[in-house]
Protein backbone atom coordinates (compact mmCIF):
# COMPACT_ATOMS: atom_id res chain seq x y z
CA UNK A 1 144.28 169.02 50.69
CA UNK A 2 141.25 169.79 52.53
CA UNK A 3 141.48 172.35 55.49
CA UNK A 4 140.08 171.26 58.87
CA UNK A 5 136.76 172.53 59.83
CA UNK A 6 136.77 175.21 62.57
CA UNK A 7 134.01 174.45 65.10
CA UNK A 8 132.27 176.44 67.94
CA UNK A 9 133.46 173.80 70.16
CA UNK A 10 132.55 175.52 73.50
CA UNK A 11 129.37 177.64 73.07
CA UNK A 12 129.23 178.98 76.70
CA UNK A 13 133.00 179.85 76.99
CA UNK A 14 133.24 181.23 73.38
CA UNK A 15 130.16 183.31 73.77
CA UNK A 16 131.17 184.61 77.05
CA UNK A 17 134.53 185.63 75.71
CA UNK A 18 133.06 187.43 72.80
CA UNK A 19 130.41 189.18 74.91
CA UNK A 20 133.17 190.33 77.37
CA UNK A 21 135.36 191.46 74.52
CA UNK A 22 132.53 193.56 73.09
CA UNK A 23 131.81 194.96 76.60
CA UNK A 24 135.48 195.86 77.16
CA UNK A 25 135.76 197.54 73.72
CA UNK A 26 132.50 199.44 74.46
CA UNK A 27 134.03 200.64 77.67
CA UNK A 28 137.27 201.82 76.13
CA UNK A 29 135.44 203.53 73.42
CA UNK A 30 133.18 205.40 75.72
CA UNK A 31 136.04 206.39 78.13
CA UNK A 32 134.61 203.96 80.93
CA UNK A 33 131.07 205.34 80.54
CA UNK A 34 129.58 201.95 79.33
CA UNK A 35 131.62 200.17 81.86
CA UNK A 36 130.14 202.22 84.82
CA UNK A 37 126.80 202.17 83.35
CA UNK A 38 126.28 198.53 82.46
CA UNK A 39 129.62 196.42 83.34
CA UNK A 40 130.54 197.47 86.96
CA UNK A 41 128.69 196.56 90.14
CA UNK A 42 128.43 199.07 92.88
CA UNK A 43 125.96 200.22 95.50
CA UNK A 44 123.10 201.86 93.87
CA UNK A 45 119.40 202.53 94.74
CA UNK A 46 117.19 199.25 94.70
CA UNK A 47 114.84 201.30 92.52
CA UNK A 48 117.66 201.28 89.70
CA UNK A 49 116.76 198.53 87.27
CA UNK A 50 120.27 198.43 85.99
CA UNK A 51 121.63 197.59 89.44
CA UNK A 52 120.13 194.16 89.11
CA UNK A 53 121.49 193.66 85.68
CA UNK A 54 125.02 194.73 86.80
CA UNK A 55 125.00 192.06 89.49
CA UNK A 56 125.50 189.69 86.53
CA UNK A 57 127.13 191.78 83.68
CA UNK A 58 130.12 193.12 85.79
CA UNK A 59 131.87 189.82 84.78
CA UNK A 60 131.83 191.11 81.16
CA UNK A 61 133.52 194.68 81.63
CA UNK A 62 137.32 194.94 81.97
CA UNK A 63 139.49 198.03 82.73
CA UNK A 64 141.49 197.56 79.57
CA UNK A 65 142.69 194.89 77.10
CA UNK A 66 145.32 193.66 79.43
CA UNK A 67 142.88 192.96 82.19
CA UNK A 68 140.72 191.12 79.55
CA UNK A 69 143.46 189.12 78.31
CA UNK A 70 144.78 188.08 81.81
CA UNK A 71 141.31 186.74 82.61
CA UNK A 72 140.23 185.19 79.23
CA UNK A 73 143.64 183.54 78.60
CA UNK A 74 142.80 181.17 81.61
CA UNK A 75 139.04 180.91 80.90
CA UNK A 76 139.88 179.91 77.31
CA UNK A 77 142.33 177.30 78.53
CA UNK A 78 140.31 175.88 81.42
CA UNK A 79 136.68 176.64 80.37
CA UNK A 80 136.20 174.27 77.45
CA UNK A 81 137.34 171.29 79.51
CA UNK A 82 134.77 172.30 82.24
CA UNK A 83 131.91 172.96 79.84
CA UNK A 84 132.64 169.32 78.32
CA UNK A 85 132.75 167.71 81.82
CA UNK A 86 129.92 169.51 83.42
CA UNK A 87 127.74 170.65 80.46
CA UNK A 88 126.89 173.99 78.98
CA UNK A 89 123.89 174.60 80.98
CA UNK A 90 125.40 173.63 84.39
CA UNK A 91 128.72 175.72 83.54
CA UNK A 92 126.51 178.69 82.59
CA UNK A 93 124.61 178.40 86.06
CA UNK A 94 127.88 178.22 87.94
CA UNK A 95 129.27 181.34 86.10
CA UNK A 96 125.90 183.28 86.87
CA UNK A 97 125.94 182.12 90.53
CA UNK A 98 129.48 183.20 90.95
CA UNK A 99 128.81 186.60 89.34
CA UNK A 100 125.95 187.15 91.65
CA UNK A 101 127.75 186.04 94.76
CA UNK A 102 130.78 188.28 94.06
CA UNK A 103 128.48 191.20 93.03
CA UNK A 104 126.38 190.97 96.11
CA UNK A 105 129.34 190.61 98.49
CA UNK A 106 131.02 193.69 96.89
CA UNK A 107 127.77 195.84 97.20
CA UNK A 108 127.25 194.71 100.87
CA UNK A 109 130.85 194.86 102.22
CA UNK A 110 132.51 197.27 99.89
CA UNK A 111 129.95 200.11 99.30
CA UNK A 112 132.43 202.59 97.91
CA UNK A 113 134.09 200.33 95.29
CA UNK A 114 132.93 199.25 91.79
CA UNK A 115 133.85 195.83 90.82
CA UNK A 116 134.36 194.75 87.17
CA UNK A 117 135.92 191.94 85.52
CA UNK A 118 135.83 188.09 85.21
CA UNK A 119 138.56 187.25 87.77
CA UNK A 120 136.09 185.69 90.23
CA UNK A 121 134.96 183.39 87.44
CA UNK A 122 138.71 182.58 86.65
CA UNK A 123 139.19 181.50 90.23
CA UNK A 124 135.88 179.54 90.19
CA UNK A 125 137.17 177.67 87.14
CA UNK A 126 140.58 177.00 88.54
CA UNK A 127 139.40 175.56 91.73
CA UNK A 128 136.77 173.60 89.81
CA UNK A 129 139.10 172.06 87.52
CA UNK A 130 140.86 170.44 90.49
CA UNK A 131 137.86 168.18 90.86
CA UNK A 132 137.70 167.33 87.10
CA UNK A 133 138.94 163.69 87.68
CA UNK A 134 138.20 162.99 91.27
CA UNK A 135 135.78 160.43 92.67
CA UNK A 136 132.59 160.91 94.68
CA UNK A 137 133.52 161.95 98.26
CA UNK A 138 137.18 162.55 97.50
CA UNK A 139 139.11 165.64 97.80
CA UNK A 140 141.85 165.70 95.42
CA UNK A 141 145.38 166.56 96.75
CA UNK A 142 145.80 169.04 93.72
CA UNK A 143 142.70 170.90 95.03
CA UNK A 144 144.50 171.48 98.35
CA UNK A 145 147.55 172.66 96.66
CA UNK A 146 145.75 174.84 94.21
CA UNK A 147 143.67 176.37 97.05
CA UNK A 148 146.72 177.03 99.25
CA UNK A 149 148.76 178.57 96.40
CA UNK A 150 145.94 180.65 94.70
CA UNK A 151 143.75 181.50 97.58
CA UNK A 152 146.49 181.79 100.06
CA UNK A 153 148.13 184.39 97.95
CA UNK A 154 144.89 186.28 97.47
CA UNK A 155 144.46 186.41 101.21
CA UNK A 156 147.95 187.57 101.93
CA UNK A 157 147.57 190.14 99.06
CA UNK A 158 144.14 191.27 100.39
CA UNK A 159 145.82 192.00 103.78
CA UNK A 160 149.05 193.73 102.63
CA UNK A 161 148.61 195.01 99.02
CA UNK A 162 147.37 198.33 98.14
CA UNK A 163 146.12 197.84 94.64
CA UNK A 164 142.91 197.89 92.54
CA UNK A 165 142.64 194.25 92.33
CA UNK A 166 139.68 192.66 94.11
CA UNK A 167 140.99 189.77 96.09
CA UNK A 168 137.64 189.35 97.64
CA UNK A 169 136.21 188.31 94.18
CA UNK A 170 139.06 185.85 93.69
CA UNK A 171 138.50 184.29 97.17
CA UNK A 172 134.71 184.07 96.54
CA UNK A 173 135.20 182.77 93.08
CA UNK A 174 137.50 180.11 94.43
CA UNK A 175 135.18 179.15 97.09
CA UNK A 176 132.23 178.90 94.59
CA UNK A 177 134.50 176.59 92.47
CA UNK A 178 135.23 174.30 95.66
CA UNK A 179 131.52 174.17 96.58
CA UNK A 180 130.47 173.31 93.06
CA UNK A 181 133.05 170.76 92.58
CA UNK A 182 132.24 169.08 96.02
CA UNK A 183 128.42 169.09 95.44
CA UNK A 184 128.52 167.87 91.99
CA UNK A 185 131.15 165.21 92.94
CA UNK A 186 128.94 163.90 95.86
CA UNK A 187 125.97 163.56 93.34
CA UNK A 188 127.95 161.16 91.17
């Protein structure tokens, strides 16, 4: 009996996952040093060239393996379907844009806070997946339910919870997913 062939079926999602795993391990091995230097975004002088890199790489770093697993369980479930539907290049651009948007908003509006992790990307993918089988100019009812459940919870938690979770990144990621789904859906 021949064993089935294992394929690298979702290059963007699998590469993103492996890069984030490596960044998370580097952060753990260095006691957080690598995470602060390369994989967290925070207000820094505009003359610091790493500042511009961190606007994108903050989605690779995670505080610990539990944080990593929480984000990438969802990314690995939803991401391959999105990569197949929208294409690798387009999905990579959506990930990069969402990383930049969450990074810039964190730096501008939360100057004393370092942001790391892919939860903004998770929320972008969750909301974007709600558009997966909708027609041009349609707003899927599932999108409304998902937005109310996921983003509503984040807004409430942002007001009342005192934790180290960036509800702002979740909300901005979700908003990006909605915008991408709507814009791409209108072009069909």
